[in-house]
């Protein structure tokens, strides 16, 4: 994890399908350092999800915390170990559809995903950043410190600048 920097992944120039792929690619970049993850599971939206995403949500729902704000159509995984390969793969598949998802390494957050993949902040090395940038030409990977200095662009929903 040495030499990593926090980046905002600006997906505003990519298609919705590519946005999902970018999120999954970023998660795979940090997989080796991932220790735990969590996500909310907005099951009320499940009819809009591909079958693979619904199956991943079902697997992740087994970890539901049972908190008071959960119900039939909304679950939270709580903190789940990334060491279980099947849980991790379910998370990678599902995370771009979560309202909020996070990955932690040994000593820091590695990924913050929000608003169904439209907001993505990730810790990357310079090599990982290059790999992510080359994934899609319309993608912009901006250091968080520089992102915060930009004139704010207003998009619907919350954005990574709030993090």
N, C-alpha and C. Protein backbone atom coordinates (compact mmCIF):
# COMPACT_ATOMS: atom_id res chain seq x y z
N UNK A 1 0.81 -1.20 0.00
CA UNK A 1 0.00 0.00 0.00
C UNK A 1 0.85 1.26 0.00
N UNK A 2 2.14 1.11 0.14
CA UNK A 2 3.01 2.26 0.12
C UNK A 2 2.95 2.93 -1.24
N UNK A 3 3.02 4.25 -1.25
CA UNK A 3 3.02 4.98 -2.51
C UNK A 3 1.65 5.16 -3.12
N UNK A 4 0.62 4.84 -2.36
CA UNK A 4 -0.73 5.02 -2.89
C UNK A 4 -1.22 6.43 -2.62
N UNK A 5 -2.13 6.85 -3.48
CA UNK A 5 -2.75 8.16 -3.37
C UNK A 5 -4.25 7.98 -3.57
N UNK A 6 -5.03 8.87 -3.01
CA UNK A 6 -6.48 8.81 -3.14
C UNK A 6 -6.90 9.53 -4.41
N UNK A 7 -7.72 8.84 -5.24
CA UNK A 7 -8.17 9.40 -6.51
C UNK A 7 -9.69 9.39 -6.62
N UNK A 8 -10.21 10.40 -7.28
CA UNK A 8 -11.61 10.42 -7.68
C UNK A 8 -11.64 9.89 -9.10
N UNK A 9 -12.52 8.95 -9.35
CA UNK A 9 -12.68 8.39 -10.68
C UNK A 9 -13.91 9.05 -11.29
N UNK A 10 -13.67 9.93 -12.23
CA UNK A 10 -14.75 10.69 -12.86
C UNK A 10 -15.27 9.89 -14.05
N UNK A 11 -16.45 9.33 -13.88
CA UNK A 11 -17.06 8.49 -14.92
C UNK A 11 -18.12 9.24 -15.72
N UNK A 12 -18.17 10.55 -15.58
CA UNK A 12 -19.24 11.31 -16.24
C UNK A 12 -19.19 11.21 -17.76
N UNK A 13 -18.04 10.83 -18.32
CA UNK A 13 -17.93 10.74 -19.77
C UNK A 13 -18.14 9.34 -20.32
N UNK A 14 -18.40 8.36 -19.45
CA UNK A 14 -18.56 6.99 -19.93
C UNK A 14 -20.02 6.56 -19.89
N UNK A 15 -20.36 5.54 -20.65
CA UNK A 15 -21.73 5.02 -20.67
C UNK A 15 -22.03 4.31 -19.35
N UNK A 16 -23.33 4.10 -19.08
CA UNK A 16 -23.73 3.43 -17.85
C UNK A 16 -23.10 2.05 -17.74
N UNK A 17 -23.13 1.28 -18.81
CA UNK A 17 -22.52 -0.06 -18.78
C UNK A 17 -21.04 0.00 -18.49
N UNK A 18 -20.35 0.97 -19.08
CA UNK A 18 -18.92 1.13 -18.83
C UNK A 18 -18.66 1.59 -17.40
N UNK A 19 -19.56 2.40 -16.86
CA UNK A 19 -19.43 2.86 -15.48
C UNK A 19 -19.41 1.66 -14.52
N UNK A 20 -20.29 0.72 -14.73
CA UNK A 20 -20.33 -0.50 -13.92
C UNK A 20 -19.01 -1.25 -14.08
N UNK A 21 -18.54 -1.41 -15.31
CA UNK A 21 -17.28 -2.12 -15.56
C UNK A 21 -16.09 -1.42 -14.91
N UNK A 22 -16.08 -0.09 -14.94
CA UNK A 22 -15.00 0.69 -14.31
C UNK A 22 -14.98 0.42 -12.80
N UNK A 23 -16.15 0.45 -12.17
CA UNK A 23 -16.22 0.19 -10.73
C UNK A 23 -15.68 -1.19 -10.41
N UNK A 24 -16.08 -2.17 -11.18
CA UNK A 24 -15.61 -3.54 -10.94
C UNK A 24 -14.11 -3.66 -11.18
N UNK A 25 -13.60 -3.01 -12.21
CA UNK A 25 -12.17 -3.04 -12.48
C UNK A 25 -11.39 -2.41 -11.32
N UNK A 26 -11.87 -1.27 -10.82
CA UNK A 26 -11.21 -0.61 -9.69
C UNK A 26 -11.19 -1.52 -8.46
N UNK A 27 -12.29 -2.23 -8.22
CA UNK A 27 -12.35 -3.15 -7.08
C UNK A 27 -11.34 -4.30 -7.25
N UNK A 28 -11.20 -4.77 -8.46
CA UNK A 28 -10.23 -5.84 -8.70
C UNK A 28 -8.78 -5.34 -8.53
N UNK A 29 -8.55 -4.07 -8.83
CA UNK A 29 -7.22 -3.50 -8.64
C UNK A 29 -6.80 -3.52 -7.17
N UNK A 30 -7.76 -3.34 -6.26
CA UNK A 30 -7.43 -3.28 -4.83
C UNK A 30 -7.65 -4.62 -4.12
N UNK A 31 -8.06 -5.64 -4.85
CA UNK A 31 -8.44 -6.92 -4.24
C UNK A 31 -7.35 -7.50 -3.34
N UNK A 32 -6.11 -7.41 -3.77
CA UNK A 32 -5.01 -7.99 -2.99
C UNK A 32 -4.87 -7.34 -1.61
N UNK A 33 -5.18 -6.06 -1.52
CA UNK A 33 -5.05 -5.33 -0.25
C UNK A 33 -6.35 -5.29 0.55
N UNK A 34 -7.46 -5.74 -0.04
CA UNK A 34 -8.76 -5.68 0.63
C UNK A 34 -8.82 -6.65 1.80
N UNK A 35 -9.25 -6.15 2.94
CA UNK A 35 -9.42 -6.99 4.13
C UNK A 35 -10.91 -7.18 4.44
N UNK A 36 -11.68 -6.11 4.36
CA UNK A 36 -13.11 -6.17 4.65
C UNK A 36 -13.87 -5.25 3.70
N UNK A 37 -15.17 -5.44 3.64
CA UNK A 37 -16.03 -4.58 2.84
C UNK A 37 -17.41 -4.53 3.47
N UNK A 38 -18.18 -3.55 3.05
CA UNK A 38 -19.60 -3.52 3.40
C UNK A 38 -20.36 -2.84 2.28
N UNK A 39 -21.66 -3.06 2.28
CA UNK A 39 -22.52 -2.44 1.27
C UNK A 39 -23.95 -2.44 1.77
N UNK A 40 -24.72 -1.51 1.26
CA UNK A 40 -26.15 -1.61 1.45
C UNK A 40 -26.71 -2.33 0.22
N UNK A 41 -27.86 -2.92 0.39
CA UNK A 41 -28.47 -3.70 -0.70
C UNK A 41 -29.90 -3.21 -0.89
N UNK A 42 -30.09 -2.27 -1.80
CA UNK A 42 -31.45 -1.72 -2.02
C UNK A 42 -32.29 -2.67 -2.88
N UNK A 43 -32.83 -3.70 -2.22
CA UNK A 43 -33.57 -4.75 -2.93
C UNK A 43 -34.81 -4.23 -3.65
N UNK A 44 -35.27 -3.06 -3.28
CA UNK A 44 -36.42 -2.46 -3.98
C UNK A 44 -36.10 -2.20 -5.45
N UNK A 45 -34.84 -2.17 -5.81
CA UNK A 45 -34.40 -1.91 -7.19
C UNK A 45 -34.04 -3.19 -7.95
N UNK A 46 -34.19 -4.33 -7.31
CA UNK A 46 -33.71 -5.60 -7.86
C UNK A 46 -34.32 -5.95 -9.21
N UNK A 47 -35.52 -5.52 -9.48
CA UNK A 47 -36.14 -5.84 -10.78
C UNK A 47 -35.39 -5.18 -11.93
N UNK A 48 -34.62 -4.14 -11.64
CA UNK A 48 -33.84 -3.45 -12.67
C UNK A 48 -32.45 -4.06 -12.86
N UNK A 49 -32.06 -5.01 -12.03
CA UNK A 49 -30.72 -5.56 -12.05
C UNK A 49 -30.62 -6.78 -12.96
N UNK A 50 -29.45 -6.98 -13.57
CA UNK A 50 -29.21 -8.23 -14.30
C UNK A 50 -29.26 -9.42 -13.33
N UNK A 51 -29.49 -10.60 -13.85
CA UNK A 51 -29.59 -11.81 -13.02
C UNK A 51 -28.35 -12.01 -12.15
N UNK A 52 -27.17 -11.79 -12.71
CA UNK A 52 -25.93 -11.99 -11.94
C UNK A 52 -25.87 -11.06 -10.73
N UNK A 53 -26.37 -9.85 -10.88
CA UNK A 53 -26.36 -8.88 -9.78
C UNK A 53 -27.38 -9.29 -8.72
N UNK A 54 -28.55 -9.77 -9.14
CA UNK A 54 -29.56 -10.26 -8.17
C UNK A 54 -29.00 -11.43 -7.37
N UNK A 55 -28.30 -12.35 -8.04
CA UNK A 55 -27.71 -13.51 -7.34
C UNK A 55 -26.63 -13.05 -6.36
N UNK A 56 -25.82 -12.09 -6.77
CA UNK A 56 -24.79 -11.55 -5.87
C UNK A 56 -25.44 -10.88 -4.66
N UNK A 57 -26.52 -10.14 -4.89
CA UNK A 57 -27.24 -9.49 -3.78
C UNK A 57 -27.81 -10.53 -2.82
N UNK A 58 -28.31 -11.63 -3.35
CA UNK A 58 -28.83 -12.72 -2.50
C UNK A 58 -27.72 -13.27 -1.61
N UNK A 59 -26.56 -13.51 -2.20
CA UNK A 59 -25.44 -14.03 -1.41
C UNK A 59 -25.04 -13.03 -0.32
N UNK A 60 -24.91 -11.76 -0.69
CA UNK A 60 -24.52 -10.74 0.28
C UNK A 60 -25.58 -10.53 1.35
N UNK A 61 -26.84 -10.74 1.02
CA UNK A 61 -27.93 -10.57 1.98
C UNK A 61 -27.82 -11.55 3.15
N UNK A 62 -27.10 -12.64 2.94
CA UNK A 62 -26.89 -13.59 4.05
C UNK A 62 -26.14 -12.93 5.21
N UNK A 63 -25.43 -11.86 4.92
CA UNK A 63 -24.67 -11.16 5.96
C UNK A 63 -25.46 -10.00 6.57
N UNK A 64 -26.73 -9.88 6.24
CA UNK A 64 -27.53 -8.75 6.71
C UNK A 64 -27.41 -8.58 8.22
N UNK A 65 -27.33 -7.34 8.63
CA UNK A 65 -27.10 -7.04 10.03
C UNK A 65 -28.35 -7.12 10.88
N UNK A 66 -29.52 -7.01 10.27
CA UNK A 66 -30.77 -7.04 11.03
C UNK A 66 -31.04 -5.75 11.78
N UNK A 67 -30.42 -4.66 11.36
CA UNK A 67 -30.64 -3.38 12.04
C UNK A 67 -32.06 -2.88 11.79
N UNK A 68 -32.49 -1.92 12.59
CA UNK A 68 -33.86 -1.42 12.53
C UNK A 68 -34.23 -0.81 11.19
N UNK A 69 -33.26 -0.24 10.46
CA UNK A 69 -33.61 0.39 9.18
C UNK A 69 -33.65 -0.61 8.03
N UNK A 70 -33.42 -1.88 8.34
CA UNK A 70 -33.52 -2.93 7.32
C UNK A 70 -34.95 -3.44 7.26
N UNK A 71 -35.29 -3.95 6.10
CA UNK A 71 -36.59 -4.56 5.91
C UNK A 71 -36.53 -5.48 4.71
N UNK A 72 -37.69 -5.82 4.19
CA UNK A 72 -37.75 -6.74 3.06
C UNK A 72 -37.04 -6.19 1.83
N UNK A 73 -37.03 -4.86 1.67
CA UNK A 73 -36.50 -4.26 0.44
C UNK A 73 -35.20 -3.49 0.63
N UNK A 74 -34.60 -3.58 1.81
CA UNK A 74 -33.34 -2.88 2.05
C UNK A 74 -32.55 -3.63 3.12
N UNK A 75 -31.32 -4.00 2.80
CA UNK A 75 -30.44 -4.72 3.73
C UNK A 75 -29.09 -4.03 3.79
N UNK A 76 -28.34 -4.35 4.84
CA UNK A 76 -26.95 -3.91 4.99
C UNK A 76 -26.12 -5.14 5.31
N UNK A 77 -24.97 -5.26 4.66
CA UNK A 77 -24.13 -6.43 4.91
C UNK A 77 -23.42 -6.39 6.25
N UNK A 78 -23.20 -5.21 6.80
CA UNK A 78 -22.28 -5.11 7.91
C UNK A 78 -20.89 -5.35 7.36
N UNK A 79 -19.89 -5.41 8.20
CA UNK A 79 -18.52 -5.59 7.76
C UNK A 79 -18.29 -7.09 7.48
N UNK A 80 -17.84 -7.39 6.26
CA UNK A 80 -17.66 -8.76 5.80
C UNK A 80 -16.19 -8.95 5.42
N UNK A 81 -15.62 -10.08 5.76
CA UNK A 81 -14.24 -10.39 5.40
C UNK A 81 -14.12 -10.56 3.89
N UNK A 82 -13.10 -9.95 3.33
CA UNK A 82 -12.83 -10.09 1.89
C UNK A 82 -12.07 -11.37 1.60
N UNK A 83 -11.74 -12.15 2.62
CA UNK A 83 -10.94 -13.36 2.40
C UNK A 83 -11.76 -14.50 1.79
N UNK A 84 -13.08 -14.46 1.93
CA UNK A 84 -13.93 -15.48 1.29
C UNK A 84 -14.09 -15.10 -0.17
N UNK A 85 -13.52 -15.91 -1.06
CA UNK A 85 -13.51 -15.59 -2.49
C UNK A 85 -14.91 -15.38 -3.06
N UNK A 86 -15.86 -16.23 -2.69
CA UNK A 86 -17.21 -16.12 -3.24
C UNK A 86 -17.91 -14.86 -2.75
N UNK A 87 -17.72 -14.49 -1.48
CA UNK A 87 -18.29 -13.24 -0.97
C UNK A 87 -17.67 -12.05 -1.69
N UNK A 88 -16.34 -12.07 -1.86
CA UNK A 88 -15.66 -10.96 -2.54
C UNK A 88 -16.16 -10.83 -3.97
N UNK A 89 -16.27 -11.92 -4.70
CA UNK A 89 -16.75 -11.86 -6.08
C UNK A 89 -18.19 -11.37 -6.15
N UNK A 90 -19.02 -11.77 -5.19
CA UNK A 90 -20.40 -11.27 -5.13
C UNK A 90 -20.38 -9.76 -4.89
N UNK A 91 -19.50 -9.30 -4.02
CA UNK A 91 -19.38 -7.87 -3.74
C UNK A 91 -18.94 -7.11 -4.99
N UNK A 92 -17.93 -7.60 -5.69
CA UNK A 92 -17.44 -6.94 -6.90
C UNK A 92 -18.56 -6.85 -7.94
N UNK A 93 -19.33 -7.90 -8.07
CA UNK A 93 -20.44 -7.90 -9.03
C UNK A 93 -21.52 -6.91 -8.61
N UNK A 94 -21.83 -6.88 -7.33
CA UNK A 94 -22.96 -6.08 -6.85
C UNK A 94 -22.64 -4.61 -6.55
N UNK A 95 -21.46 -4.32 -6.08
CA UNK A 95 -21.12 -2.98 -5.55
C UNK A 95 -21.55 -1.80 -6.43
N UNK A 96 -21.43 -1.87 -7.77
CA UNK A 96 -21.85 -0.73 -8.58
C UNK A 96 -23.36 -0.45 -8.53
N UNK A 97 -24.12 -1.33 -7.91
CA UNK A 97 -25.56 -1.15 -7.79
C UNK A 97 -25.98 -0.71 -6.39
N UNK A 98 -25.01 -0.62 -5.48
CA UNK A 98 -25.28 -0.20 -4.10
C UNK A 98 -25.43 1.32 -4.02
N UNK A 99 -26.17 1.76 -3.04
CA UNK A 99 -26.21 3.19 -2.76
C UNK A 99 -24.92 3.61 -2.06
N UNK A 100 -24.32 2.66 -1.29
CA UNK A 100 -23.10 2.94 -0.55
C UNK A 100 -22.33 1.63 -0.37
N UNK A 101 -21.06 1.63 -0.71
CA UNK A 101 -20.21 0.45 -0.52
C UNK A 101 -18.80 0.92 -0.20
N UNK A 102 -18.12 0.18 0.65
CA UNK A 102 -16.77 0.56 1.09
C UNK A 102 -15.89 -0.68 1.17
N UNK A 103 -14.61 -0.50 0.85
CA UNK A 103 -13.60 -1.54 1.02
C UNK A 103 -12.51 -0.98 1.91
N UNK A 104 -12.10 -1.77 2.91
CA UNK A 104 -11.03 -1.37 3.80
C UNK A 104 -9.83 -2.30 3.62
N UNK A 105 -8.65 -1.70 3.71
CA UNK A 105 -7.41 -2.47 3.77
C UNK A 105 -7.02 -2.60 5.23
N UNK A 106 -5.77 -2.94 5.48
CA UNK A 106 -5.30 -3.12 6.86
C UNK A 106 -5.34 -1.83 7.67
N UNK A 107 -5.08 -0.68 7.00
CA UNK A 107 -4.96 0.56 7.76
C UNK A 107 -5.72 1.74 7.18
N UNK A 108 -6.55 1.51 6.15
CA UNK A 108 -7.29 2.63 5.57
C UNK A 108 -8.41 2.14 4.66
N UNK A 109 -9.27 3.09 4.33
CA UNK A 109 -10.28 2.81 3.32
C UNK A 109 -9.59 2.74 1.97
N UNK A 110 -9.92 1.74 1.20
CA UNK A 110 -9.35 1.62 -0.13
C UNK A 110 -10.30 2.13 -1.21
N UNK A 111 -11.59 1.92 -1.00
CA UNK A 111 -12.59 2.32 -1.99
C UNK A 111 -13.84 2.83 -1.29
N UNK A 112 -14.37 3.94 -1.79
CA UNK A 112 -15.69 4.44 -1.42
C UNK A 112 -16.49 4.54 -2.69
N UNK A 113 -17.58 3.82 -2.74
CA UNK A 113 -18.47 3.80 -3.89
C UNK A 113 -19.83 4.30 -3.42
N UNK A 114 -20.46 5.17 -4.18
CA UNK A 114 -21.77 5.67 -3.77
C UNK A 114 -22.66 5.90 -4.99
N UNK A 115 -23.94 6.00 -4.68
CA UNK A 115 -24.93 6.37 -5.69
C UNK A 115 -24.88 5.50 -6.93
N UNK A 116 -24.94 4.19 -6.70
CA UNK A 116 -24.95 3.21 -7.78
C UNK A 116 -23.78 3.40 -8.76
N UNK A 117 -22.60 3.55 -8.16
CA UNK A 117 -21.38 3.61 -8.95
C UNK A 117 -21.06 4.95 -9.59
N UNK A 118 -21.88 5.97 -9.36
CA UNK A 118 -21.61 7.26 -9.98
C UNK A 118 -20.57 8.06 -9.22
N UNK A 119 -20.27 7.65 -7.99
CA UNK A 119 -19.24 8.29 -7.19
C UNK A 119 -18.26 7.22 -6.75
N UNK A 120 -17.00 7.39 -7.14
CA UNK A 120 -15.98 6.40 -6.85
C UNK A 120 -14.69 7.10 -6.44
N UNK A 121 -14.22 6.78 -5.22
CA UNK A 121 -12.95 7.28 -4.72
C UNK A 121 -12.13 6.05 -4.33
N UNK A 122 -10.87 6.01 -4.79
CA UNK A 122 -10.07 4.80 -4.60
C UNK A 122 -8.60 5.15 -4.35
N UNK A 123 -7.97 4.39 -3.45
CA UNK A 123 -6.52 4.50 -3.21
C UNK A 123 -5.81 3.64 -4.25
N UNK A 124 -4.88 4.24 -4.99
CA UNK A 124 -4.17 3.51 -6.04
C UNK A 124 -2.69 3.88 -6.05
N UNK A 125 -1.88 2.95 -6.51
CA UNK A 125 -0.48 3.26 -6.81
C UNK A 125 -0.45 3.92 -8.18
N UNK A 126 0.70 4.43 -8.57
CA UNK A 126 0.79 5.07 -9.89
C UNK A 126 0.55 4.06 -11.02
N UNK A 127 1.01 2.83 -10.85
CA UNK A 127 0.80 1.79 -11.86
C UNK A 127 -0.69 1.45 -11.95
N UNK A 128 -1.35 1.30 -10.81
CA UNK A 128 -2.79 1.00 -10.80
C UNK A 128 -3.58 2.14 -11.42
N UNK A 129 -3.14 3.37 -11.14
CA UNK A 129 -3.82 4.52 -11.76
C UNK A 129 -3.73 4.44 -13.28
N UNK A 130 -2.56 4.15 -13.79
CA UNK A 130 -2.38 4.03 -15.24
C UNK A 130 -3.26 2.92 -15.81
N UNK A 131 -3.34 1.81 -15.10
CA UNK A 131 -4.19 0.70 -15.56
C UNK A 131 -5.66 1.13 -15.61
N UNK A 132 -6.10 1.84 -14.60
CA UNK A 132 -7.48 2.30 -14.56
C UNK A 132 -7.75 3.32 -15.66
N UNK A 133 -6.84 4.26 -15.84
CA UNK A 133 -7.02 5.28 -16.88
C UNK A 133 -7.07 4.65 -18.27
N UNK A 134 -6.33 3.59 -18.47
CA UNK A 134 -6.32 2.96 -19.80
C UNK A 134 -7.54 2.08 -20.03
N UNK A 135 -8.33 1.87 -19.01
CA UNK A 135 -9.51 1.01 -19.14
C UNK A 135 -10.55 1.59 -20.09
N UNK A 136 -10.69 2.93 -20.06
CA UNK A 136 -11.67 3.61 -20.93
C UNK A 136 -11.14 5.02 -21.21
N UNK A 137 -11.07 5.38 -22.48
CA UNK A 137 -10.53 6.69 -22.86
C UNK A 137 -11.33 7.86 -22.31
N UNK A 138 -12.62 7.64 -22.03
CA UNK A 138 -13.48 8.72 -21.55
C UNK A 138 -13.39 8.91 -20.03
N UNK A 139 -12.58 8.09 -19.39
CA UNK A 139 -12.45 8.09 -17.94
C UNK A 139 -11.39 9.09 -17.49
N UNK A 140 -11.64 9.75 -16.39
CA UNK A 140 -10.67 10.67 -15.81
C UNK A 140 -10.39 10.23 -14.37
N UNK A 141 -9.12 10.06 -14.03
CA UNK A 141 -8.72 9.64 -12.68
C UNK A 141 -7.91 10.79 -12.10
N UNK A 142 -8.51 11.49 -11.14
CA UNK A 142 -7.98 12.76 -10.65
C UNK A 142 -7.60 12.64 -9.17
N UNK A 143 -6.39 13.07 -8.78
CA UNK A 143 -6.04 13.06 -7.36
C UNK A 143 -7.11 13.83 -6.56
N UNK A 144 -7.49 13.28 -5.42
CA UNK A 144 -8.54 13.89 -4.61
C UNK A 144 -8.20 15.33 -4.24
N UNK A 145 -6.93 15.59 -3.94
CA UNK A 145 -6.55 16.95 -3.57
C UNK A 145 -6.80 17.94 -4.71
N UNK A 146 -6.55 17.51 -5.95
CA UNK A 146 -6.81 18.37 -7.11
C UNK A 146 -8.31 18.47 -7.38
N UNK A 147 -9.02 17.37 -7.19
CA UNK A 147 -10.48 17.35 -7.41
C UNK A 147 -11.16 18.38 -6.51
N UNK A 148 -10.72 18.44 -5.27
CA UNK A 148 -11.34 19.37 -4.31
C UNK A 148 -11.08 20.83 -4.68
N UNK A 149 -10.01 21.10 -5.42
CA UNK A 149 -9.68 22.47 -5.81
C UNK A 149 -10.43 22.93 -7.05
N UNK A 150 -11.03 21.97 -7.79
CA UNK A 150 -11.77 22.31 -9.00
C UNK A 150 -13.00 23.15 -8.67
N UNK A 151 -13.42 23.90 -9.67
CA UNK A 151 -14.70 24.56 -9.55
C UNK A 151 -15.75 23.45 -9.55
N UNK A 152 -16.61 23.41 -8.55
CA UNK A 152 -17.55 22.29 -8.47
C UNK A 152 -18.51 22.24 -9.66
N UNK A 153 -18.61 21.03 -10.21
CA UNK A 153 -19.61 20.77 -11.24
C UNK A 153 -20.80 20.17 -10.55
N UNK A 154 -21.94 20.67 -10.81
CA UNK A 154 -23.15 20.15 -10.16
C UNK A 154 -23.73 19.02 -10.98
N UNK A 155 -23.82 17.87 -10.34
CA UNK A 155 -24.51 16.71 -10.92
C UNK A 155 -25.59 16.33 -9.95
N UNK A 156 -26.60 15.68 -10.44
CA UNK A 156 -27.63 15.22 -9.54
C UNK A 156 -27.04 14.20 -8.58
N UNK A 157 -27.49 14.26 -7.35
CA UNK A 157 -27.00 13.32 -6.34
C UNK A 157 -25.75 13.87 -5.68
N UNK A 158 -25.24 13.09 -4.75
CA UNK A 158 -24.02 13.50 -4.05
C UNK A 158 -22.82 13.07 -4.87
N UNK A 159 -21.70 13.69 -4.59
CA UNK A 159 -20.49 13.39 -5.34
C UNK A 159 -19.33 13.14 -4.42
N UNK A 160 -18.22 12.72 -4.96
CA UNK A 160 -17.06 12.39 -4.15
C UNK A 160 -16.45 13.61 -3.48
N UNK A 161 -16.77 14.80 -3.97
CA UNK A 161 -16.18 15.99 -3.34
C UNK A 161 -16.66 16.16 -1.90
N UNK A 162 -17.74 15.48 -1.53
CA UNK A 162 -18.25 15.56 -0.17
C UNK A 162 -17.47 14.65 0.79
N UNK A 163 -16.61 13.83 0.26
CA UNK A 163 -15.89 12.85 1.11
C UNK A 163 -14.65 13.45 1.67
